[in-house]
């Protein structure tokens, strides 16, 4: 990553004739990046996943706003807004996102590309047929899943179906 940024800066500097050559072109090839295996990755165990879903996703928290002084733009009169507290809870969108991630092991791009047509509420199935990807040049776009095996149907538990139905209702 660092090499790519530096190389890009020097390419620009050569183009603008700030420097004569890009010193990155004299660098040896970097060693290939090793992919992590299952042993190198860490996941929630079953107990941690249950605690996360029961505690973190249903947690209520409080945001405190301190006293502030303002001036009326029209009259120039100064006034004070008293401090206050707001009780919040985790947005339903995030409850759905993380519950789906834990129950389905879908990739982030697959989850972000889902539409309501991909979910069969009666059978409790999500059909994975696409994924969201992003490039600097094109921005976000929909593409095929990473592999052919990525096109699949996933059975989901009733608790996730309930959350999805709530979220669909909230979106309307």
C-alpha atoms as a PDB file:
ATOM      1  CA  UNK A   1       0.000   0.000   0.000  1.00  0.00           C
ATOM      2  CA  UNK A   2       2.727   2.472   0.964  1.00  0.00           C
ATOM      3  CA  UNK A   3       4.717   1.627  -2.176  1.00  0.00           C
ATOM      4  CA  UNK A   4       1.644   2.194  -4.342  1.00  0.00           C
ATOM      5  CA  UNK A   5       1.039   5.630  -2.844  1.00  0.00           C
ATOM      6  CA  UNK A   6       4.678   6.707  -3.172  1.00  0.00           C
ATOM      7  CA  UNK A   7       4.853   5.360  -6.737  1.00  0.00           C
ATOM      8  CA  UNK A   8       1.702   7.290  -7.621  1.00  0.00           C
ATOM      9  CA  UNK A   9       3.134  10.524  -6.170  1.00  0.00           C
ATOM     10  CA  UNK A  10       6.362  10.136  -8.155  1.00  0.00           C
ATOM     11  CA  UNK A  11       4.480   9.290 -11.373  1.00  0.00           C
ATOM     12  CA  UNK A  12       2.562  12.544 -10.946  1.00  0.00           C
ATOM     13  CA  UNK A  13       5.781  14.453 -10.186  1.00  0.00           C
ATOM     14  CA  UNK A  14       7.402  13.095 -13.392  1.00  0.00           C
ATOM     15  CA  UNK A  15       4.301  14.013 -15.403  1.00  0.00           C
ATOM     16  CA  UNK A  16       4.398  17.588 -14.033  1.00  0.00           C
ATOM     17  CA  UNK A  17       8.195  17.637 -14.578  1.00  0.00           C
ATOM     18  CA  UNK A  18       8.961  18.272 -10.898  1.00  0.00           C
ATOM     19  CA  UNK A  19      11.448  15.382 -11.034  1.00  0.00           C
ATOM     20  CA  UNK A  20      13.151  13.653 -13.974  1.00  0.00           C
ATOM     21  CA  UNK A  21      12.455  10.060 -13.059  1.00  0.00           C
ATOM     22  CA  UNK A  22      10.429   7.892 -10.736  1.00  0.00           C
ATOM     23  CA  UNK A  23      12.839   6.194  -8.285  1.00  0.00           C
ATOM     24  CA  UNK A  24      10.205   3.542  -7.579  1.00  0.00           C
ATOM     25  CA  UNK A  25      10.902   2.068 -11.019  1.00  0.00           C
ATOM     26  CA  UNK A  26      14.329   0.948  -9.746  1.00  0.00           C
ATOM     27  CA  UNK A  27      12.838  -0.966  -6.803  1.00  0.00           C
ATOM     28  CA  UNK A  28      12.820  -4.745  -6.776  1.00  0.00           C
ATOM     29  CA  UNK A  29       9.481  -6.483  -6.990  1.00  0.00           C
ATOM     30  CA  UNK A  30       7.839  -6.849  -3.622  1.00  0.00           C
ATOM     31  CA  UNK A  31       7.333 -10.362  -2.281  1.00  0.00           C
ATOM     32  CA  UNK A  32       3.838 -11.739  -2.867  1.00  0.00           C
ATOM     33  CA  UNK A  33       1.308 -11.147  -0.130  1.00  0.00           C
ATOM     34  CA  UNK A  34       0.493 -14.338   1.730  1.00  0.00           C
ATOM     35  CA  UNK A  35      -3.193 -15.126   2.031  1.00  0.00           C
ATOM     36  CA  UNK A  36      -4.390 -15.870   5.530  1.00  0.00           C
ATOM     37  CA  UNK A  37      -5.548 -19.390   6.178  1.00  0.00           C
ATOM     38  CA  UNK A  38      -8.329 -20.479   8.498  1.00  0.00           C
ATOM     39  CA  UNK A  39      -5.778 -20.938  11.296  1.00  0.00           C
ATOM     40  CA  UNK A  40      -4.620 -17.307  10.995  1.00  0.00           C
ATOM     41  CA  UNK A  41      -8.134 -15.846  11.030  1.00  0.00           C
ATOM     42  CA  UNK A  42     -10.073 -15.215  14.190  1.00  0.00           C
ATOM     43  CA  UNK A  43     -13.837 -15.496  14.506  1.00  0.00           C
ATOM     44  CA  UNK A  44     -16.398 -15.299  17.260  1.00  0.00           C
ATOM     45  CA  UNK A  45     -16.933 -18.633  18.915  1.00  0.00           C
ATOM     46  CA  UNK A  46     -20.545 -19.653  19.479  1.00  0.00           C
ATOM     47  CA  UNK A  47     -20.714 -18.130  22.971  1.00  0.00           C
ATOM     48  CA  UNK A  48     -19.176 -14.832  21.808  1.00  0.00           C
ATOM     49  CA  UNK A  49     -21.613 -14.625  18.876  1.00  0.00           C
ATOM     50  CA  UNK A  50     -24.595 -15.189  21.193  1.00  0.00           C
ATOM     51  CA  UNK A  51     -23.340 -12.557  23.643  1.00  0.00           C
ATOM     52  CA  UNK A  52     -22.746 -10.071  20.830  1.00  0.00           C
ATOM     53  CA  UNK A  53     -26.257 -10.564  19.457  1.00  0.00           C
ATOM     54  CA  UNK A  54     -27.959 -10.550  22.873  1.00  0.00           C
ATOM     55  CA  UNK A  55     -25.970  -7.730  24.467  1.00  0.00           C
ATOM     56  CA  UNK A  56     -24.326  -5.459  21.891  1.00  0.00           C
ATOM     57  CA  UNK A  57     -27.109  -5.437  19.307  1.00  0.00           C
ATOM     58  CA  UNK A  58     -29.864  -4.783  21.843  1.00  0.00           C
ATOM     59  CA  UNK A  59     -27.900  -2.355  23.997  1.00  0.00           C
ATOM     60  CA  UNK A  60     -29.318   1.043  24.895  1.00  0.00           C
ATOM     61  CA  UNK A  61     -26.961   3.956  25.386  1.00  0.00           C
ATOM     62  CA  UNK A  62     -27.143   7.647  26.174  1.00  0.00           C
ATOM     63  CA  UNK A  63     -25.661  10.631  24.350  1.00  0.00           C
ATOM     64  CA  UNK A  64     -25.109  13.802  26.365  1.00  0.00           C
ATOM     65  CA  UNK A  65     -25.201  17.206  24.699  1.00  0.00           C
ATOM     66  CA  UNK A  66     -23.698  20.020  26.739  1.00  0.00           C
ATOM     67  CA  UNK A  67     -25.052  23.516  27.167  1.00  0.00           C
ATOM     68  CA  UNK A  68     -24.422  25.740  24.145  1.00  0.00           C
ATOM     69  CA  UNK A  69     -24.591  29.453  23.491  1.00  0.00           C
ATOM     70  CA  UNK A  70     -25.965  30.757  20.199  1.00  0.00           C
ATOM     71  CA  UNK A  71     -26.761  34.073  18.545  1.00  0.00           C
ATOM     72  CA  UNK A  72     -29.928  34.747  16.549  1.00  0.00           C
ATOM     73  CA  UNK A  73     -28.802  35.633  13.014  1.00  0.00           C
ATOM     74  CA  UNK A  74     -31.640  38.078  12.427  1.00  0.00           C
ATOM     75  CA  UNK A  75     -31.784  39.928  15.755  1.00  0.00           C
ATOM     76  CA  UNK A  76     -28.266  39.349  17.074  1.00  0.00           C
ATOM     77  CA  UNK A  77     -29.812  38.320  20.403  1.00  0.00           C
ATOM     78  CA  UNK A  78     -27.817  35.726  22.357  1.00  0.00           C
ATOM     79  CA  UNK A  79     -29.522  32.707  23.854  1.00  0.00           C
ATOM     80  CA  UNK A  80     -28.602  29.456  25.591  1.00  0.00           C
ATOM     81  CA  UNK A  81     -29.543  25.920  24.720  1.00  0.00           C
ATOM     82  CA  UNK A  82     -29.592  23.838  27.884  1.00  0.00           C
ATOM     83  CA  UNK A  83     -27.736  20.555  27.946  1.00  0.00           C
ATOM     84  CA  UNK A  84     -29.751  17.405  27.458  1.00  0.00           C
ATOM     85  CA  UNK A  85     -29.461  13.648  27.113  1.00  0.00           C
ATOM     86  CA  UNK A  86     -30.864  11.402  24.403  1.00  0.00           C
ATOM     87  CA  UNK A  87     -31.413   7.666  24.867  1.00  0.00           C
ATOM     88  CA  UNK A  88     -30.544   5.620  21.797  1.00  0.00           C
ATOM     89  CA  UNK A  89     -30.370   1.994  20.782  1.00  0.00           C
ATOM     90  CA  UNK A  90     -28.583   0.215  17.969  1.00  0.00           C
ATOM     91  CA  UNK A  91     -30.279   1.025  14.643  1.00  0.00           C
ATOM     92  CA  UNK A  92     -32.368  -1.773  13.183  1.00  0.00           C
ATOM     93  CA  UNK A  93     -30.244  -1.646  10.014  1.00  0.00           C
ATOM     94  CA  UNK A  94     -27.132  -2.631  12.006  1.00  0.00           C
ATOM     95  CA  UNK A  95     -29.018  -5.294  13.940  1.00  0.00           C
ATOM     96  CA  UNK A  96     -30.019  -6.853  10.602  1.00  0.00           C
ATOM     97  CA  UNK A  97     -26.531  -6.481   9.107  1.00  0.00           C
ATOM     98  CA  UNK A  98     -24.628  -8.124  11.959  1.00  0.00           C
ATOM     99  CA  UNK A  99     -27.246 -10.802  12.617  1.00  0.00           C
ATOM    100  CA  UNK A 100     -27.139 -11.705   8.925  1.00  0.00           C
ATOM    101  CA  UNK A 101     -23.333 -11.748   8.936  1.00  0.00           C
ATOM    102  CA  UNK A 102     -23.233 -14.131  11.891  1.00  0.00           C
ATOM    103  CA  UNK A 103     -25.994 -16.486  10.686  1.00  0.00           C
ATOM    104  CA  UNK A 104     -25.097 -16.642   6.991  1.00  0.00           C
ATOM    105  CA  UNK A 105     -21.314 -16.034   6.726  1.00  0.00           C
ATOM    106  CA  UNK A 106     -22.045 -13.934   3.633  1.00  0.00           C
ATOM    107  CA  UNK A 107     -19.361 -11.589   2.359  1.00  0.00           C
ATOM    108  CA  UNK A 108     -19.900  -7.863   2.960  1.00  0.00           C
ATOM    109  CA  UNK A 109     -20.327  -7.165  -0.765  1.00  0.00           C
ATOM    110  CA  UNK A 110     -22.929  -9.926  -1.044  1.00  0.00           C
ATOM    111  CA  UNK A 111     -24.938  -8.490   1.840  1.00  0.00           C
ATOM    112  CA  UNK A 112     -24.755  -4.941   0.480  1.00  0.00           C
ATOM    113  CA  UNK A 113     -26.005  -6.075  -2.954  1.00  0.00           C
ATOM    114  CA  UNK A 114     -29.130  -7.772  -1.595  1.00  0.00           C
ATOM    115  CA  UNK A 115     -32.556  -6.558  -2.618  1.00  0.00           C
ATOM    116  CA  UNK A 116     -35.910  -7.555  -1.148  1.00  0.00           C
ATOM    117  CA  UNK A 117     -36.447  -9.772  -4.214  1.00  0.00           C
ATOM    118  CA  UNK A 118     -33.494 -11.931  -3.073  1.00  0.00           C
ATOM    119  CA  UNK A 119     -35.300 -12.904   0.137  1.00  0.00           C
ATOM    120  CA  UNK A 120     -38.032 -15.550   0.244  1.00  0.00           C
ATOM    121  CA  UNK A 121     -39.727 -14.876   3.575  1.00  0.00           C
ATOM    122  CA  UNK A 122     -42.050 -17.900   3.305  1.00  0.00           C
ATOM    123  CA  UNK A 123     -39.272 -20.448   2.725  1.00  0.00           C
ATOM    124  CA  UNK A 124     -36.665 -18.608   4.851  1.00  0.00           C
ATOM    125  CA  UNK A 125     -34.100 -18.439   2.042  1.00  0.00           C
ATOM    126  CA  UNK A 126     -31.746 -15.735   0.797  1.00  0.00           C
ATOM    127  CA  UNK A 127     -30.534 -16.147  -2.799  1.00  0.00           C
ATOM    128  CA  UNK A 128     -27.004 -14.900  -3.429  1.00  0.00           C
ATOM    129  CA  UNK A 129     -26.619 -13.987  -7.116  1.00  0.00           C
ATOM    130  CA  UNK A 130     -24.563 -10.785  -7.027  1.00  0.00           C
ATOM    131  CA  UNK A 131     -22.156  -8.688  -4.987  1.00  0.00           C
ATOM    132  CA  UNK A 132     -21.380  -5.014  -4.572  1.00  0.00           C
ATOM    133  CA  UNK A 133     -17.867  -3.955  -5.565  1.00  0.00           C
ATOM    134  CA  UNK A 134     -16.073  -0.633  -5.686  1.00  0.00           C
ATOM    135  CA  UNK A 135     -13.248   0.867  -7.711  1.00  0.00           C
ATOM    136  CA  UNK A 136     -11.785   4.341  -7.742  1.00  0.00           C
ATOM    137  CA  UNK A 137     -12.630   4.740 -11.427  1.00  0.00           C
ATOM    138  CA  UNK A 138     -16.182   3.352 -11.481  1.00  0.00           C
ATOM    139  CA  UNK A 139     -17.314   3.834  -7.903  1.00  0.00           C
ATOM    140  CA  UNK A 140     -19.795   1.229  -6.670  1.00  0.00           C
ATOM    141  CA  UNK A 141     -21.208  -1.346  -9.049  1.00  0.00           C
ATOM    142  CA  UNK A 142     -22.947  -4.725  -8.944  1.00  0.00           C
ATOM    143  CA  UNK A 143     -20.979  -7.752 -10.131  1.00  0.00           C
ATOM    144  CA  UNK A 144     -21.164 -11.529 -10.064  1.00  0.00           C
ATOM    145  CA  UNK A 145     -20.106 -13.244  -6.816  1.00  0.00           C
ATOM    146  CA  UNK A 146     -16.404 -13.896  -6.275  1.00  0.00           C
ATOM    147  CA  UNK A 147     -16.660 -17.518  -7.479  1.00  0.00           C
ATOM    148  CA  UNK A 148     -19.239 -19.694  -9.257  1.00  0.00           C
ATOM    149  CA  UNK A 149     -19.804 -21.454  -5.932  1.00  0.00           C
ATOM    150  CA  UNK A 150     -20.753 -18.021  -4.589  1.00  0.00           C
ATOM    151  CA  UNK A 151     -24.127 -18.305  -6.343  1.00  0.00           C
ATOM    152  CA  UNK A 152     -26.158 -20.116  -3.708  1.00  0.00           C
ATOM    153  CA  UNK A 153     -29.232 -20.192  -1.512  1.00  0.00           C
ATOM    154  CA  UNK A 154     -28.858 -19.766   2.236  1.00  0.00           C
ATOM    155  CA  UNK A 155     -31.448 -20.845   4.781  1.00  0.00           C
ATOM    156  CA  UNK A 156     -31.949 -18.286   7.514  1.00  0.00           C
ATOM    157  CA  UNK A 157     -33.424 -18.643  11.017  1.00  0.00           C
ATOM    158  CA  UNK A 158     -36.836 -17.307  11.997  1.00  0.00           C
ATOM    159  CA  UNK A 159     -35.235 -14.637  14.213  1.00  0.00           C
ATOM    160  CA  UNK A 160     -33.482 -13.132  11.176  1.00  0.00           C
ATOM    161  CA  UNK A 161     -36.688 -13.309   9.118  1.00  0.00           C
ATOM    162  CA  UNK A 162     -38.445 -11.346  11.875  1.00  0.00           C
ATOM    163  CA  UNK A 163     -35.712  -8.675  11.859  1.00  0.00           C
ATOM    164  CA  UNK A 164     -35.817  -8.459   8.057  1.00  0.00           C
ATOM    165  CA  UNK A 165     -39.593  -8.023   8.090  1.00  0.00           C
ATOM    166  CA  UNK A 166     -39.267  -5.230  10.681  1.00  0.00           C
ATOM    167  CA  UNK A 167     -36.609  -3.501   8.598  1.00  0.00           C
ATOM    168  CA  UNK A 168     -38.665  -3.807   5.397  1.00  0.00           C
ATOM    169  CA  UNK A 169     -41.633  -2.255   7.230  1.00  0.00           C
ATOM    170  CA  UNK A 170     -39.384   0.546   8.565  1.00  0.00           C
ATOM    171  CA  UNK A 171     -38.086   1.267   5.049  1.00  0.00           C
ATOM    172  CA  UNK A 172     -41.623   1.708   3.708  1.00  0.00           C
END
